[in-house]
Amino acid sequence: MNGYQQRHRRPSSLRGEQLAGEPVTWAAVPIPVFVWVDWADGNVEEVAAEATEWTRRAVHVRWKGGPRIGYEAWVWVGAVRRRPS
């Protein structure tokens, strides 16, 4: 994947109505996780990320795709697992 494609790649994220009504917990310190990401281009991959907030059913994660490329998405809790410290 070239730099242009990497910069313009977008992860799929849950929509607001899928998260509505759930109380949100914020992490005092981001938690290292692995997350399965569905990309808008149809690809799926597991990436190392940080969980920054969550509900009972979903987790907000962020990760780097390169030196100046950052991503974030809300995903279902089943797509996330903790990374060993």
PDB file of N, CA and C in Angstrom:
ATOM      1  N   MET A   1       0.858  -1.179   0.000  1.00  0.00           N
ATOM      2  CA  MET A   1       0.000   0.000   0.000  1.00  0.00           C
ATOM      3  C   MET A   1       0.896   1.231   0.000  1.00  0.00           C
ATOM      4  N   ASN A   2       0.637   2.148  -0.922  1.00  0.00           N
ATOM      5  CA  ASN A   2       1.470   3.348  -0.971  1.00  0.00           C
ATOM      6  C   ASN A   2       1.025   4.360   0.089  1.00  0.00           C
ATOM      7  N   GLY A   3       1.818   5.416   0.258  1.00  0.00           N
ATOM      8  CA  GLY A   3       1.540   6.418   1.293  1.00  0.00           C
ATOM      9  C   GLY A   3       0.192   7.094   1.124  1.00  0.00           C
ATOM     10  N   TYR A   4      -0.193   7.387  -0.125  1.00  0.00           N
ATOM     11  CA  TYR A   4      -1.491   8.021  -0.363  1.00  0.00           C
ATOM     12  C   TYR A   4      -2.627   7.116   0.099  1.00  0.00           C
ATOM     13  N   GLN A   5      -2.551   5.834  -0.276  1.00  0.00           N
ATOM     14  CA  GLN A   5      -3.597   4.886   0.125  1.00  0.00           C
ATOM     15  C   GLN A   5      -3.649   4.743   1.645  1.00  0.00           C
ATOM     16  N   GLN A   6      -2.483   4.689   2.288  1.00  0.00           N
ATOM     17  CA  GLN A   6      -2.435   4.554   3.748  1.00  0.00           C
ATOM     18  C   GLN A   6      -3.078   5.767   4.418  1.00  0.00           C
ATOM     19  N   ARG A   7      -2.777   6.975   3.946  1.00  0.00           N
ATOM     20  CA  ARG A   7      -3.318   8.205   4.545  1.00  0.00           C
ATOM     21  C   ARG A   7      -4.822   8.331   4.359  1.00  0.00           C
ATOM     22  N   HIS A   8      -5.357   7.768   3.292  1.00  0.00           N
ATOM     23  CA  HIS A   8      -6.776   7.934   2.986  1.00  0.00           C
ATOM     24  C   HIS A   8      -7.617   6.708   3.319  1.00  0.00           C
ATOM     25  N   ARG A   9      -7.018   5.727   3.937  1.00  0.00           N
ATOM     26  CA  ARG A   9      -7.745   4.534   4.359  1.00  0.00           C
ATOM     27  C   ARG A   9      -8.586   4.884   5.579  1.00  0.00           C
ATOM     28  N   ARG A  10      -9.800   4.366   5.661  1.00  0.00           N
ATOM     29  CA  ARG A  10     -10.707   4.681   6.764  1.00  0.00           C
ATOM     30  C   ARG A  10     -11.228   3.413   7.423  1.00  0.00           C
ATOM     31  N   PRO A  11     -11.139   3.350   8.750  1.00  0.00           N
ATOM     32  CA  PRO A  11     -11.748   2.213   9.438  1.00  0.00           C
ATOM     33  C   PRO A  11     -13.253   2.420   9.559  1.00  0.00           C
ATOM     34  N   SER A  12     -13.998   1.336   9.546  1.00  0.00           N
ATOM     35  CA  SER A  12     -15.429   1.422   9.813  1.00  0.00           C
ATOM     36  C   SER A  12     -15.609   1.572  11.321  1.00  0.00           C
ATOM     37  N   SER A  13     -16.552   2.392  11.725  1.00  0.00           N
ATOM     38  CA  SER A  13     -16.805   2.650  13.139  1.00  0.00           C
ATOM     39  C   SER A  13     -18.298   2.502  13.406  1.00  0.00           C
ATOM     40  N   LEU A  14     -18.642   2.084  14.614  1.00  0.00           N
ATOM     41  CA  LEU A  14     -20.059   2.007  14.979  1.00  0.00           C
ATOM     42  C   LEU A  14     -20.681   3.394  14.900  1.00  0.00           C
ATOM     43  N   ARG A  15     -21.945   3.448  14.609  1.00  0.00           N
ATOM     44  CA  ARG A  15     -22.667   4.720  14.499  1.00  0.00           C
ATOM     45  C   ARG A  15     -23.246   5.124  15.852  1.00  0.00           C
ATOM     46  N   GLY A  16     -23.551   6.377  15.985  1.00  0.00           N
ATOM     47  CA  GLY A  16     -24.085   6.932  17.223  1.00  0.00           C
ATOM     48  C   GLY A  16     -25.304   6.200  17.741  1.00  0.00           C
ATOM     49  N   GLU A  17     -26.218   5.832  16.852  1.00  0.00           N
ATOM     50  CA  GLU A  17     -27.425   5.135  17.303  1.00  0.00           C
ATOM     51  C   GLU A  17     -27.107   3.744  17.852  1.00  0.00           C
ATOM     52  N   GLN A  18     -25.978   3.160  17.447  1.00  0.00           N
ATOM     53  CA  GLN A  18     -25.575   1.861  17.990  1.00  0.00           C
ATOM     54  C   GLN A  18     -25.008   1.992  19.404  1.00  0.00           C
ATOM     55  N   LEU A  19     -24.596   3.199  19.766  1.00  0.00           N
ATOM     56  CA  LEU A  19     -23.994   3.453  21.078  1.00  0.00           C
ATOM     57  C   LEU A  19     -24.946   4.163  22.033  1.00  0.00           C
ATOM     58  N   ALA A  20     -26.037   4.667  21.533  1.00  0.00           N
ATOM     59  CA  ALA A  20     -26.945   5.514  22.310  1.00  0.00           C
ATOM     60  C   ALA A  20     -27.447   4.825  23.578  1.00  0.00           C
ATOM     61  N   GLY A  21     -27.532   5.625  24.639  1.00  0.00           N
ATOM     62  CA  GLY A  21     -28.121   5.153  25.876  1.00  0.00           C
ATOM     63  C   GLY A  21     -27.193   4.368  26.783  1.00  0.00           C
ATOM     64  N   GLU A  22     -25.984   4.122  26.354  1.00  0.00           N
ATOM     65  CA  GLU A  22     -25.032   3.367  27.163  1.00  0.00           C
ATOM     66  C   GLU A  22     -24.126   4.329  27.936  1.00  0.00           C
ATOM     67  N   PRO A  23     -23.947   4.123  29.244  1.00  0.00           N
ATOM     68  CA  PRO A  23     -22.981   4.949  29.969  1.00  0.00           C
ATOM     69  C   PRO A  23     -21.559   4.647  29.493  1.00  0.00           C
ATOM     70  N   VAL A  24     -20.742   5.693  29.421  1.00  0.00           N
ATOM     71  CA  VAL A  24     -19.373   5.569  28.926  1.00  0.00           C
ATOM     72  C   VAL A  24     -18.391   5.665  30.087  1.00  0.00           C
ATOM     73  N   THR A  25     -17.400   4.770  30.089  1.00  0.00           N
ATOM     74  CA  THR A  25     -16.299   4.806  31.053  1.00  0.00           C
ATOM     75  C   THR A  25     -15.048   5.234  30.305  1.00  0.00           C
ATOM     76  N   TRP A  26     -14.330   6.226  30.836  1.00  0.00           N
ATOM     77  CA  TRP A  26     -13.097   6.701  30.225  1.00  0.00           C
ATOM     78  C   TRP A  26     -11.914   6.119  30.968  1.00  0.00           C
ATOM     79  N   ALA A  27     -10.902   5.717  30.241  1.00  0.00           N
ATOM     80  CA  ALA A  27      -9.684   5.175  30.837  1.00  0.00           C
ATOM     81  C   ALA A  27      -8.830   6.328  31.356  1.00  0.00           C
ATOM     82  N   ALA A  28      -8.360   6.233  32.597  1.00  0.00           N
ATOM     83  CA  ALA A  28      -7.429   7.239  33.129  1.00  0.00           C
ATOM     84  C   ALA A  28      -6.122   7.182  32.338  1.00  0.00           C
ATOM     85  N   VAL A  29      -5.731   5.981  31.971  1.00  0.00           N
ATOM     86  CA  VAL A  29      -4.556   5.734  31.126  1.00  0.00           C
ATOM     87  C   VAL A  29      -5.010   4.769  30.042  1.00  0.00           C
ATOM     88  N   PRO A  30      -4.723   5.044  28.773  1.00  0.00           N
ATOM     89  CA  PRO A  30      -5.158   4.132  27.707  1.00  0.00           C
ATOM     90  C   PRO A  30      -4.668   2.702  27.958  1.00  0.00           C
ATOM     91  N   ILE A  31      -5.512   1.739  27.604  1.00  0.00           N
ATOM     92  CA  ILE A  31      -5.226   0.324  27.846  1.00  0.00           C
ATOM     93  C   ILE A  31      -4.758  -0.317  26.537  1.00  0.00           C
ATOM     94  N   PRO A  32      -3.571  -0.958  26.542  1.00  0.00           N
ATOM     95  CA  PRO A  32      -3.095  -1.626  25.324  1.00  0.00           C
ATOM     96  C   PRO A  32      -3.987  -2.814  24.966  1.00  0.00           C
ATOM     97  N   VAL A  33      -4.408  -2.864  23.708  1.00  0.00           N
ATOM     98  CA  VAL A  33      -5.298  -3.923  23.231  1.00  0.00           C
ATOM     99  C   VAL A  33      -4.910  -4.333  21.814  1.00  0.00           C
ATOM    100  N   PHE A  34      -5.431  -5.469  21.394  1.00  0.00           N
ATOM    101  CA  PHE A  34      -5.474  -5.850  19.986  1.00  0.00           C
ATOM    102  C   PHE A  34      -6.930  -5.698  19.572  1.00  0.00           C
ATOM    103  N   VAL A  35      -7.168  -5.203  18.365  1.00  0.00           N
ATOM    104  CA  VAL A  35      -8.536  -5.010  17.901  1.00  0.00           C
ATOM    105  C   VAL A  35      -8.658  -5.446  16.444  1.00  0.00           C
ATOM    106  N   TRP A  36      -9.761  -6.117  16.140  1.00  0.00           N
ATOM    107  CA  TRP A  36     -10.078  -6.452  14.761  1.00  0.00           C
ATOM    108  C   TRP A  36     -10.766  -5.246  14.142  1.00  0.00           C
ATOM    109  N   VAL A  37     -10.180  -4.749  13.066  1.00  0.00           N
ATOM    110  CA  VAL A  37     -10.684  -3.551  12.391  1.00  0.00           C
ATOM    111  C   VAL A  37     -11.284  -3.934  11.047  1.00  0.00           C
ATOM    112  N   ASP A  38     -12.505  -3.484  10.806  1.00  0.00           N
ATOM    113  CA  ASP A  38     -13.129  -3.572   9.485  1.00  0.00           C
ATOM    114  C   ASP A  38     -12.840  -2.264   8.777  1.00  0.00           C
ATOM    115  N   TRP A  39     -12.177  -2.347   7.650  1.00  0.00           N
ATOM    116  CA  TRP A  39     -11.867  -1.144   6.878  1.00  0.00           C
ATOM    117  C   TRP A  39     -12.974  -0.879   5.860  1.00  0.00           C
ATOM    118  N   ALA A  40     -13.153   0.375   5.522  1.00  0.00           N
ATOM    119  CA  ALA A  40     -14.190   0.764   4.552  1.00  0.00           C
ATOM    120  C   ALA A  40     -13.945   0.127   3.190  1.00  0.00           C
ATOM    121  N   ASP A  41     -12.690  -0.253   2.903  1.00  0.00           N
ATOM    122  CA  ASP A  41     -12.387  -0.884   1.612  1.00  0.00           C
ATOM    123  C   ASP A  41     -12.692  -2.386   1.603  1.00  0.00           C
ATOM    124  N   GLY A  42     -13.246  -2.910   2.722  1.00  0.00           N
ATOM    125  CA  GLY A  42     -13.636  -4.308   2.788  1.00  0.00           C
ATOM    126  C   GLY A  42     -12.627  -5.230   3.449  1.00  0.00           C
ATOM    127  N   ASN A  43     -11.419  -4.754   3.693  1.00  0.00           N
ATOM    128  CA  ASN A  43     -10.410  -5.571   4.360  1.00  0.00           C
ATOM    129  C   ASN A  43     -10.657  -5.612   5.866  1.00  0.00           C
ATOM    130  N   VAL A  44     -10.176  -6.677   6.487  1.00  0.00           N
ATOM    131  CA  VAL A  44     -10.266  -6.839   7.938  1.00  0.00           C
ATOM    132  C   VAL A  44      -8.877  -7.214   8.424  1.00  0.00           C
ATOM    133  N   GLU A  45      -8.413  -6.580   9.512  1.00  0.00           N
ATOM    134  CA  GLU A  45      -7.121  -6.946  10.072  1.00  0.00           C
ATOM    135  C   GLU A  45      -7.089  -6.660  11.563  1.00  0.00           C
ATOM    136  N   GLU A  46      -6.228  -7.377  12.259  1.00  0.00           N
ATOM    137  CA  GLU A  46      -6.039  -7.152  13.686  1.00  0.00           C
ATOM    138  C   GLU A  46      -4.852  -6.211  13.859  1.00  0.00           C
ATOM    139  N   VAL A  47      -5.048  -5.158  14.660  1.00  0.00           N
ATOM    140  CA  VAL A  47      -3.989  -4.176  14.892  1.00  0.00           C
ATOM    141  C   VAL A  47      -3.786  -3.971  16.390  1.00  0.00           C
ATOM    142  N   ALA A  48      -2.584  -3.529  16.749  1.00  0.00           N
ATOM    143  CA  ALA A  48      -2.296  -3.134  18.128  1.00  0.00           C
ATOM    144  C   ALA A  48      -2.830  -1.721  18.309  1.00  0.00           C
ATOM    145  N   ALA A  49      -3.574  -1.503  19.379  1.00  0.00           N
ATOM    146  CA  ALA A  49      -4.235  -0.221  19.598  1.00  0.00           C
ATOM    147  C   ALA A  49      -4.275   0.095  21.088  1.00  0.00           C
ATOM    148  N   GLU A  50      -4.964   1.178  21.423  1.00  0.00           N
ATOM    149  CA  GLU A  50      -5.226   1.553  22.810  1.00  0.00           C
ATOM    150  C   GLU A  50      -6.719   1.778  22.975  1.00  0.00           C
ATOM    151  N   ALA A  51      -7.280   1.215  24.028  1.00  0.00           N
ATOM    152  CA  ALA A  51      -8.679   1.478  24.370  1.00  0.00           C
ATOM    153  C   ALA A  51      -8.718   2.735  25.227  1.00  0.00           C
ATOM    154  N   THR A  52      -9.529   3.695  24.836  1.00  0.00           N
ATOM    155  CA  THR A  52      -9.580   4.971  25.555  1.00  0.00           C
ATOM    156  C   THR A  52     -10.886   5.173  26.310  1.00  0.00           C
ATOM    157  N   GLU A  53     -11.940   4.508  25.858  1.00  0.00           N
ATOM    158  CA  GLU A  53     -13.239   4.576  26.535  1.00  0.00           C
ATOM    159  C   GLU A  53     -14.072   3.391  26.080  1.00  0.00           C
ATOM    160  N   TRP A  54     -15.115   3.079  26.848  1.00  0.00           N
ATOM    161  CA  TRP A  54     -15.940   1.930  26.506  1.00  0.00           C
ATOM    162  C   TRP A  54     -17.303   2.022  27.157  1.00  0.00           C
ATOM    163  N   THR A  55     -18.202   1.226  26.606  1.00  0.00           N
ATOM    164  CA  THR A  55     -19.522   1.005  27.189  1.00  0.00           C
ATOM    165  C   THR A  55     -19.598  -0.493  27.483  1.00  0.00           C
ATOM    166  N   ARG A  56     -20.742  -0.943  27.891  1.00  0.00           N
ATOM    167  CA  ARG A  56     -20.922  -2.364  28.154  1.00  0.00           C
ATOM    168  C   ARG A  56     -20.745  -3.185  26.873  1.00  0.00           C
ATOM    169  N   ARG A  57     -21.065  -2.595  25.708  1.00  0.00           N
ATOM    170  CA  ARG A  57     -21.074  -3.343  24.451  1.00  0.00           C
ATOM    171  C   ARG A  57     -20.037  -2.912  23.412  1.00  0.00           C
ATOM    172  N   ALA A  58     -19.408  -1.746  23.611  1.00  0.00           N
ATOM    173  CA  ALA A  58     -18.510  -1.221  22.585  1.00  0.00           C
ATOM    174  C   ALA A  58     -17.274  -0.581  23.222  1.00  0.00           C
ATOM    175  N   VAL A  59     -16.204  -0.480  22.418  1.00  0.00           N
ATOM    176  CA  VAL A  59     -14.933   0.084  22.877  1.00  0.00           C
ATOM    177  C   VAL A  59     -14.450   1.095  21.844  1.00  0.00           C
ATOM    178  N   HIS A  60     -13.967   2.245  22.339  1.00  0.00           N
ATOM    179  CA  HIS A  60     -13.352   3.239  21.464  1.00  0.00           C
ATOM    180  C   HIS A  60     -11.849   2.991  21.488  1.00  0.00           C
ATOM    181  N   VAL A  61     -11.271   2.768  20.306  1.00  0.00           N
ATOM    182  CA  VAL A  61      -9.851   2.466  20.207  1.00  0.00           C
ATOM    183  C   VAL A  61      -9.172   3.467  19.279  1.00  0.00           C
ATOM    184  N   ARG A  62      -7.863   3.616  19.485  1.00  0.00           N
ATOM    185  CA  ARG A  62      -7.065   4.452  18.582  1.00  0.00           C
ATOM    186  C   ARG A  62      -5.733   3.756  18.362  1.00  0.00           C
ATOM    187  N   TRP A  63      -5.137   3.995  17.185  1.00  0.00           N
ATOM    188  CA  TRP A  63      -3.864   3.378  16.846  1.00  0.00           C
ATOM    189  C   TRP A  63      -3.176   4.174  15.753  1.00  0.00           C
ATOM    190  N   LYS A  64      -1.882   3.929  15.602  1.00  0.00           N
ATOM    191  CA  LYS A  64      -1.076   4.597  14.590  1.00  0.00           C
ATOM    192  C   LYS A  64      -0.963   3.708  13.359  1.00  0.00           C
ATOM    193  N   GLY A  65      -1.039   4.327  12.201  1.00  0.00           N
ATOM    194  CA  GLY A  65      -0.845   3.615  10.944  1.00  0.00           C
ATOM    195  C   GLY A  65       0.464   4.004  10.296  1.00  0.00           C
ATOM    196  N   GLY A  66       1.230   4.830  10.963  1.00  0.00           N
ATOM    197  CA  GLY A  66       2.509   5.325  10.466  1.00  0.00           C
ATOM    198  C   GLY A  66       2.919   6.511  11.305  1.00  0.00           C
ATOM    199  N   PRO A  67       4.052   7.120  10.984  1.00  0.00           N
ATOM    200  CA  PRO A  67       4.557   8.228  11.801  1.00  0.00           C
ATOM    201  C   PRO A  67       3.574   9.389  11.977  1.00  0.00           C
ATOM    202  N   ARG A  68       2.802   9.697  10.940  1.00  0.00           N
ATOM    203  CA  ARG A  68       1.875  10.829  11.029  1.00  0.00           C
ATOM    204  C   ARG A  68       0.439  10.425  10.720  1.00  0.00           C
ATOM    205  N   ILE A  69       0.155   9.140  10.831  1.00  0.00           N
ATOM    206  CA  ILE A  69      -1.185   8.652  10.498  1.00  0.00           C
ATOM    207  C   ILE A  69      -1.800   8.017  11.742  1.00  0.00           C
ATOM    208  N   GLY A  70      -2.900   8.582  12.210  1.00  0.00           N
ATOM    209  CA  GLY A  70      -3.600   8.046  13.362  1.00  0.00           C
ATOM    210  C   GLY A  70      -5.028   7.675  12.996  1.00  0.00           C
ATOM    211  N   TYR A  71      -5.513   6.624  13.613  1.00  0.00           N
ATOM    212  CA  TYR A  71      -6.872   6.160  13.369  1.00  0.00           C
ATOM    213  C   TYR A  71      -7.610   6.026  14.685  1.00  0.00           C
ATOM    214  N   GLU A  72      -8.929   6.032  14.617  1.00  0.00           N
ATOM    215  CA  GLU A  72      -9.756   5.739  15.777  1.00  0.00           C
ATOM    216  C   GLU A  72     -11.090   5.203  15.297  1.00  0.00           C
ATOM    217  N   ALA A  73     -11.727   4.394  16.150  1.00  0.00           N
ATOM    218  CA  ALA A  73     -13.026   3.818  15.791  1.00  0.00           C
ATOM    219  C   ALA A  73     -13.693   3.278  17.048  1.00  0.00           C
ATOM    220  N   TRP A  74     -15.011   3.217  16.999  1.00  0.00           N
ATOM    221  CA  TRP A  74     -15.795   2.480  17.995  1.00  0.00           C
ATOM    222  C   TRP A  74     -16.048   1.111  17.397  1.00  0.00           C
ATOM    223  N   VAL A  75     -15.753   0.049  18.171  1.00  0.00           N
ATOM    224  CA  VAL A  75     -15.949  -1.328  17.704  1.00  0.00           C
ATOM    225  C   VAL A  75     -16.714  -2.100  18.773  1.00  0.00           C
ATOM    226  N   TRP A  76     -17.303  -3.221  18.380  1.00  0.00           N
ATOM    227  CA  TRP A  76     -17.976  -4.078  19.350  1.00  0.00           C
ATOM    228  C   TRP A  76     -16.947  -4.673  20.301  1.00  0.00           C
ATOM    229  N   VAL A  77     -17.319  -4.859  21.544  1.00  0.00           N
ATOM    230  CA  VAL A  77     -16.407  -5.348  22.576  1.00  0.00           C
ATOM    231  C   VAL A  77     -15.789  -6.701  22.204  1.00  0.00           C
ATOM    232  N   GLY A  78     -16.489  -7.527  21.465  1.00  0.00           N
ATOM    233  CA  GLY A  78     -15.965  -8.830  21.061  1.00  0.00           C
ATOM    234  C   GLY A  78     -14.803  -8.758  20.093  1.00  0.00           C
ATOM    235  N   ALA A  79     -14.556  -7.590  19.504  1.00  0.00           N
ATOM    236  CA  ALA A  79     -13.455  -7.415  18.560  1.00  0.00           C
ATOM    237  C   ALA A  79     -12.159  -7.017  19.260  1.00  0.00           C
ATOM    238  N   VAL A  80     -12.191  -6.884  20.597  1.00  0.00           N
ATOM    239  CA  VAL A  80     -11.061  -6.342  21.361  1.00  0.00           C
ATOM    240  C   VAL A  80     -10.571  -7.355  22.388  1.00  0.00           C
ATOM    241  N   ARG A  81      -9.238  -7.445  22.523  1.00  0.00           N
ATOM    242  CA  ARG A  81      -8.650  -8.221  23.622  1.00  0.00           C
ATOM    243  C   ARG A  81      -7.417  -7.478  24.130  1.00  0.00           C
ATOM    244  N   ARG A  82      -7.166  -7.611  25.436  1.00  0.00           N
ATOM    245  CA  ARG A  82      -6.011  -6.929  26.039  1.00  0.00           C
ATOM    246  C   ARG A  82      -4.709  -7.489  25.507  1.00  0.00           C
ATOM    247  N   ARG A  83      -3.744  -6.571  25.345  1.00  0.00           N
ATOM    248  CA  ARG A  83      -2.376  -6.990  25.017  1.00  0.00           C
ATOM    249  C   ARG A  83      -1.639  -7.269  26.311  1.00  0.00           C
ATOM    250  N   PRO A  84      -0.745  -8.257  26.314  1.00  0.00           N
ATOM    251  CA  PRO A  84       0.066  -8.488  27.516  1.00  0.00           C
ATOM    252  C   PRO A  84       0.920  -7.260  27.815  1.00  0.00           C
ATOM    253  N   SER A  85       1.119  -6.972  29.069  1.00  0.00           N
ATOM    254  CA  SER A  85       1.923  -5.807  29.470  1.00  0.00           C
ATOM    255  C   SER A  85       3.397  -6.084  29.302  1.00  0.00           C
TER     256      SER A  85
END
